[in-house]
Amino acid sequence: MIEFDVHIKAGDLYDYMLRHTYNGFSGLFGSVIGALMVIFGIYLEGWLMMIAGVVLLCYLPWTLFLKSRQQMLANPTLKEPLHYVLDDEGIHVSQGGTQEMQEWGNIVKAVSTGRSLIVYTSKVNACIFPKRDLGDMTGQVIQVLCTYLPAKKVKIRQ
């Protein structure tokens, strides 16, 4: 059993949103189209096409940045720390007087970024464990995830 508290910040949400978006079709497609527009704009000396490509490449990260800041301001639950317990049953999360539990069998996948460990509890919802809050426990948390989740669901780089 491992217990820890996390304090979600806007940068953690932004990191999650970037990873979630750019590992999906729409994020990749938009990036490829934007890059092609820039390349062809340079090659054909079509400045308008090149500028449109740069705008397309910058639009998604910028809107995700703004959305992460907006969510931090609008969601009061993100201002308080979340307490997690990882045990044989699953992932328990509590905040204030509220407690929820996600069984290991219902976890969709676990991934990592340079900033966080992300445990998807559905296709769009996740538990975000910032590495700065985990500190020395990061390796232990990864070990627990690898123990209770099938290998195909764990995509964590150390």
C-alpha atoms as a PDB file:
ATOM      1  CA  MET A   1       0.000   0.000   0.000  1.00  0.00           C
ATOM      2  CA  ILE A   2       1.257   3.464  -0.940  1.00  0.00           C
ATOM      3  CA  GLU A   3      -0.212   6.771   0.211  1.00  0.00           C
ATOM      4  CA  PHE A   4       0.546  10.231  -1.132  1.00  0.00           C
ATOM      5  CA  ASP A   5      -0.984  13.650  -1.687  1.00  0.00           C
ATOM      6  CA  VAL A   6      -0.952  15.563  -4.948  1.00  0.00           C
ATOM      7  CA  HIS A   7      -1.517  19.235  -5.627  1.00  0.00           C
ATOM      8  CA  ILE A   8      -2.712  19.701  -9.200  1.00  0.00           C
ATOM      9  CA  LYS A   9      -1.507  22.900 -10.846  1.00  0.00           C
ATOM     10  CA  ALA A  10      -2.392  24.451 -14.197  1.00  0.00           C
ATOM     11  CA  GLY A  11       0.886  23.176 -15.667  1.00  0.00           C
ATOM     12  CA  ASP A  12      -0.054  19.611 -14.698  1.00  0.00           C
ATOM     13  CA  LEU A  13      -3.416  19.951 -16.451  1.00  0.00           C
ATOM     14  CA  TYR A  14      -1.693  21.430 -19.496  1.00  0.00           C
ATOM     15  CA  ASP A  15       0.777  18.534 -19.562  1.00  0.00           C
ATOM     16  CA  TYR A  16      -2.125  16.043 -19.416  1.00  0.00           C
ATOM     17  CA  MET A  17      -4.088  17.879 -22.123  1.00  0.00           C
ATOM     18  CA  LEU A  18      -1.078  18.035 -24.451  1.00  0.00           C
ATOM     19  CA  ARG A  19      -0.357  14.334 -24.049  1.00  0.00           C
ATOM     20  CA  HIS A  20      -3.996  13.365 -24.427  1.00  0.00           C
ATOM     21  CA  THR A  21      -4.576  15.563 -27.485  1.00  0.00           C
ATOM     22  CA  TYR A  22      -1.374  14.835 -29.414  1.00  0.00           C
ATOM     23  CA  ASN A  23      -1.708  11.094 -28.937  1.00  0.00           C
ATOM     24  CA  GLY A  24      -5.089  11.182 -30.634  1.00  0.00           C
ATOM     25  CA  PHE A  25      -6.027  11.479 -34.291  1.00  0.00           C
ATOM     26  CA  SER A  26      -7.106  15.130 -34.287  1.00  0.00           C
ATOM     27  CA  GLY A  27      -3.918  16.417 -32.651  1.00  0.00           C
ATOM     28  CA  LEU A  28      -1.652  14.428 -34.937  1.00  0.00           C
ATOM     29  CA  PHE A  29      -3.674  15.286 -38.033  1.00  0.00           C
ATOM     30  CA  GLY A  30      -3.646  19.014 -37.250  1.00  0.00           C
ATOM     31  CA  SER A  31       0.104  18.943 -36.652  1.00  0.00           C
ATOM     32  CA  VAL A  32       0.819  17.107 -39.896  1.00  0.00           C
ATOM     33  CA  ILE A  33      -1.387  19.462 -41.922  1.00  0.00           C
ATOM     34  CA  GLY A  34       0.175  22.523 -40.257  1.00  0.00           C
ATOM     35  CA  ALA A  35       3.714  21.238 -40.875  1.00  0.00           C
ATOM     36  CA  LEU A  36       2.927  20.441 -44.511  1.00  0.00           C
ATOM     37  CA  MET A  37       1.477  23.912 -44.996  1.00  0.00           C
ATOM     38  CA  VAL A  38       4.652  25.478 -43.599  1.00  0.00           C
ATOM     39  CA  ILE A  39       6.902  23.269 -45.756  1.00  0.00           C
ATOM     40  CA  PHE A  40       4.944  23.882 -48.947  1.00  0.00           C
ATOM     41  CA  GLY A  41       4.637  27.589 -48.109  1.00  0.00           C
ATOM     42  CA  ILE A  42       8.415  27.852 -47.858  1.00  0.00           C
ATOM     43  CA  TYR A  43       9.023  25.691 -50.934  1.00  0.00           C
ATOM     44  CA  LEU A  44       6.472  27.508 -53.106  1.00  0.00           C
ATOM     45  CA  GLU A  45       7.153  30.908 -51.532  1.00  0.00           C
ATOM     46  CA  GLY A  46       3.510  31.090 -50.535  1.00  0.00           C
ATOM     47  CA  TRP A  47       3.755  33.241 -47.439  1.00  0.00           C
ATOM     48  CA  LEU A  48       0.049  33.084 -46.753  1.00  0.00           C
ATOM     49  CA  MET A  49       0.152  29.279 -46.715  1.00  0.00           C
ATOM     50  CA  MET A  50       3.198  29.336 -44.459  1.00  0.00           C
ATOM     51  CA  ILE A  51       1.555  31.753 -42.016  1.00  0.00           C
ATOM     52  CA  ALA A  52      -1.631  29.646 -41.989  1.00  0.00           C
ATOM     53  CA  GLY A  53       0.483  26.573 -41.204  1.00  0.00           C
ATOM     54  CA  VAL A  54       2.213  28.326 -38.301  1.00  0.00           C
ATOM     55  CA  VAL A  55      -1.157  29.481 -36.960  1.00  0.00           C
ATOM     56  CA  LEU A  56      -2.486  25.927 -37.229  1.00  0.00           C
ATOM     57  CA  LEU A  57       0.561  24.545 -35.398  1.00  0.00           C
ATOM     58  CA  CYS A  58       0.311  27.132 -32.595  1.00  0.00           C
ATOM     59  CA  TYR A  59      -3.477  27.205 -32.189  1.00  0.00           C
ATOM     60  CA  LEU A  60      -3.982  23.900 -30.369  1.00  0.00           C
ATOM     61  CA  PRO A  61      -1.197  24.265 -27.777  1.00  0.00           C
ATOM     62  CA  TRP A  62      -2.286  27.830 -27.066  1.00  0.00           C
ATOM     63  CA  THR A  63      -5.950  26.932 -26.589  1.00  0.00           C
ATOM     64  CA  LEU A  64      -4.992  23.992 -24.361  1.00  0.00           C
ATOM     65  CA  PHE A  65      -2.840  26.352 -22.294  1.00  0.00           C
ATOM     66  CA  LEU A  66      -5.755  28.758 -21.869  1.00  0.00           C
ATOM     67  CA  LYS A  67      -8.163  25.913 -21.094  1.00  0.00           C
ATOM     68  CA  SER A  68      -5.885  24.535 -18.367  1.00  0.00           C
ATOM     69  CA  ARG A  69      -5.698  27.961 -16.711  1.00  0.00           C
ATOM     70  CA  GLN A  70      -9.462  28.396 -17.008  1.00  0.00           C
ATOM     71  CA  GLN A  71     -10.143  24.980 -15.438  1.00  0.00           C
ATOM     72  CA  MET A  72      -7.899  25.806 -12.493  1.00  0.00           C
ATOM     73  CA  LEU A  73      -9.858  28.990 -11.855  1.00  0.00           C
ATOM     74  CA  ALA A  74     -13.298  27.452 -12.413  1.00  0.00           C
ATOM     75  CA  ASN A  75     -12.876  24.165 -10.519  1.00  0.00           C
ATOM     76  CA  PRO A  76     -12.537  24.672  -6.757  1.00  0.00           C
ATOM     77  CA  THR A  77     -11.749  20.990  -6.162  1.00  0.00           C
ATOM     78  CA  LEU A  78      -8.454  21.403  -8.023  1.00  0.00           C
ATOM     79  CA  LYS A  79      -7.317  23.969  -5.474  1.00  0.00           C
ATOM     80  CA  GLU A  80      -7.280  21.411  -2.642  1.00  0.00           C
ATOM     81  CA  PRO A  81      -4.840  18.484  -2.434  1.00  0.00           C
ATOM     82  CA  LEU A  82      -6.013  15.005  -3.401  1.00  0.00           C
ATOM     83  CA  HIS A  83      -5.067  12.071  -1.170  1.00  0.00           C
ATOM     84  CA  TYR A  84      -4.356   8.805  -3.000  1.00  0.00           C
ATOM     85  CA  VAL A  85      -3.995   5.290  -1.647  1.00  0.00           C
ATOM     86  CA  LEU A  86      -2.852   2.537  -4.013  1.00  0.00           C
ATOM     87  CA  ASP A  87      -3.522  -0.926  -2.591  1.00  0.00           C
ATOM     88  CA  ASP A  88      -4.563  -4.449  -3.641  1.00  0.00           C
ATOM     89  CA  GLU A  89      -8.110  -3.304  -4.482  1.00  0.00           C
ATOM     90  CA  GLY A  90      -7.276  -0.324  -6.656  1.00  0.00           C
ATOM     91  CA  ILE A  91      -6.785   3.415  -6.483  1.00  0.00           C
ATOM     92  CA  HIS A  92      -8.560   5.246  -3.667  1.00  0.00           C
ATOM     93  CA  VAL A  93      -8.816   9.014  -3.889  1.00  0.00           C
ATOM     94  CA  SER A  94     -10.184  11.294  -1.208  1.00  0.00           C
ATOM     95  CA  GLN A  95     -10.596  15.006  -0.753  1.00  0.00           C
ATOM     96  CA  GLY A  96     -12.380  16.604   2.139  1.00  0.00           C
ATOM     97  CA  GLY A  97     -15.142  14.183   3.100  1.00  0.00           C
ATOM     98  CA  THR A  98     -15.486  12.593  -0.340  1.00  0.00           C
ATOM     99  CA  GLN A  99     -13.855   9.289  -1.221  1.00  0.00           C
ATOM    100  CA  GLU A 100     -13.884   7.260  -4.447  1.00  0.00           C
ATOM    101  CA  MET A 101     -12.247   4.044  -5.547  1.00  0.00           C
ATOM    102  CA  GLN A 102     -11.252   2.745  -8.976  1.00  0.00           C
ATOM    103  CA  GLU A 103     -10.595  -0.988  -9.209  1.00  0.00           C
ATOM    104  CA  TRP A 104      -7.459  -2.121 -11.037  1.00  0.00           C
ATOM    105  CA  GLY A 105      -9.540  -4.054 -13.567  1.00  0.00           C
ATOM    106  CA  ASN A 106     -11.283  -0.859 -14.659  1.00  0.00           C
ATOM    107  CA  ILE A 107      -8.114   1.156 -15.311  1.00  0.00           C
ATOM    108  CA  VAL A 108      -7.737   1.905 -19.034  1.00  0.00           C
ATOM    109  CA  LYS A 109      -3.976   2.590 -19.111  1.00  0.00           C
ATOM    110  CA  ALA A 110      -1.070   4.225 -17.318  1.00  0.00           C
ATOM    111  CA  VAL A 111       1.363   6.516 -19.124  1.00  0.00           C
ATOM    112  CA  SER A 112       4.098   8.959 -18.230  1.00  0.00           C
ATOM    113  CA  THR A 113       5.257  12.348 -19.363  1.00  0.00           C
ATOM    114  CA  GLY A 114       8.313  14.236 -18.253  1.00  0.00           C
ATOM    115  CA  ARG A 115       6.187  15.922 -15.621  1.00  0.00           C
ATOM    116  CA  SER A 116       3.607  13.347 -14.467  1.00  0.00           C
ATOM    117  CA  LEU A 117       2.327   9.813 -14.259  1.00  0.00           C
ATOM    118  CA  ILE A 118      -1.143   9.666 -15.770  1.00  0.00           C
ATOM    119  CA  VAL A 119      -3.547   6.836 -14.940  1.00  0.00           C
ATOM    120  CA  TYR A 120      -6.554   6.823 -17.259  1.00  0.00           C
ATOM    121  CA  THR A 121      -9.739   5.742 -15.489  1.00  0.00           C
ATOM    122  CA  SER A 122     -11.707   6.134 -18.745  1.00  0.00           C
ATOM    123  CA  LYS A 123     -10.854   7.258 -22.273  1.00  0.00           C
ATOM    124  CA  VAL A 124     -10.965  10.926 -21.230  1.00  0.00           C
ATOM    125  CA  ASN A 125     -10.640  10.943 -17.414  1.00  0.00           C
ATOM    126  CA  ALA A 126      -7.431  10.373 -15.542  1.00  0.00           C
ATOM    127  CA  CYS A 127      -5.641  10.587 -12.236  1.00  0.00           C
ATOM    128  CA  ILE A 128      -2.648  12.887 -12.605  1.00  0.00           C
ATOM    129  CA  PHE A 129       0.290  12.176 -10.304  1.00  0.00           C
ATOM    130  CA  PRO A 130       2.801  15.037 -10.655  1.00  0.00           C
ATOM    131  CA  LYS A 131       6.317  13.684 -10.190  1.00  0.00           C
ATOM    132  CA  ARG A 132       7.247  16.675  -8.028  1.00  0.00           C
ATOM    133  CA  ASP A 133       4.622  15.518  -5.481  1.00  0.00           C
ATOM    134  CA  LEU A 134       5.661  11.866  -5.688  1.00  0.00           C
ATOM    135  CA  GLY A 135       9.340  12.638  -5.192  1.00  0.00           C
ATOM    136  CA  ASP A 136      11.215   9.512  -4.091  1.00  0.00           C
ATOM    137  CA  MET A 137       7.992   7.492  -4.279  1.00  0.00           C
ATOM    138  CA  THR A 138       7.803   7.729  -8.088  1.00  0.00           C
ATOM    139  CA  GLY A 139       9.557   4.391  -8.546  1.00  0.00           C
ATOM    140  CA  GLN A 140       7.289   2.726  -5.986  1.00  0.00           C
ATOM    141  CA  VAL A 141       4.157   4.061  -7.681  1.00  0.00           C
ATOM    142  CA  ILE A 142       5.408   2.792 -11.061  1.00  0.00           C
ATOM    143  CA  GLN A 143       6.122  -0.595  -9.491  1.00  0.00           C
ATOM    144  CA  VAL A 144       2.585  -0.788  -8.056  1.00  0.00           C
ATOM    145  CA  LEU A 145       1.080   0.161 -11.437  1.00  0.00           C
ATOM    146  CA  CYS A 146       3.196  -2.484 -13.170  1.00  0.00           C
ATOM    147  CA  THR A 147       2.179  -5.066 -10.569  1.00  0.00           C
ATOM    148  CA  TYR A 148      -1.584  -4.589 -10.802  1.00  0.00           C
ATOM    149  CA  LEU A 149      -2.033  -3.604 -14.447  1.00  0.00           C
ATOM    150  CA  PRO A 150      -1.410  -5.838 -17.468  1.00  0.00           C
ATOM    151  CA  ALA A 151       1.825  -4.963 -19.306  1.00  0.00           C
ATOM    152  CA  LYS A 152      -0.108  -3.834 -22.407  1.00  0.00           C
ATOM    153  CA  LYS A 153      -1.824  -1.106 -20.329  1.00  0.00           C
ATOM    154  CA  VAL A 154       1.401   0.355 -18.901  1.00  0.00           C
ATOM    155  CA  LYS A 155       3.338   2.746 -21.130  1.00  0.00           C
ATOM    156  CA  ILE A 156       5.676   4.355 -18.655  1.00  0.00           C
ATOM    157  CA  ARG A 157       9.199   5.537 -19.417  1.00  0.00           C
ATOM    158  CA  GLN A 158      11.558   6.249 -16.560  1.00  0.00           C
END
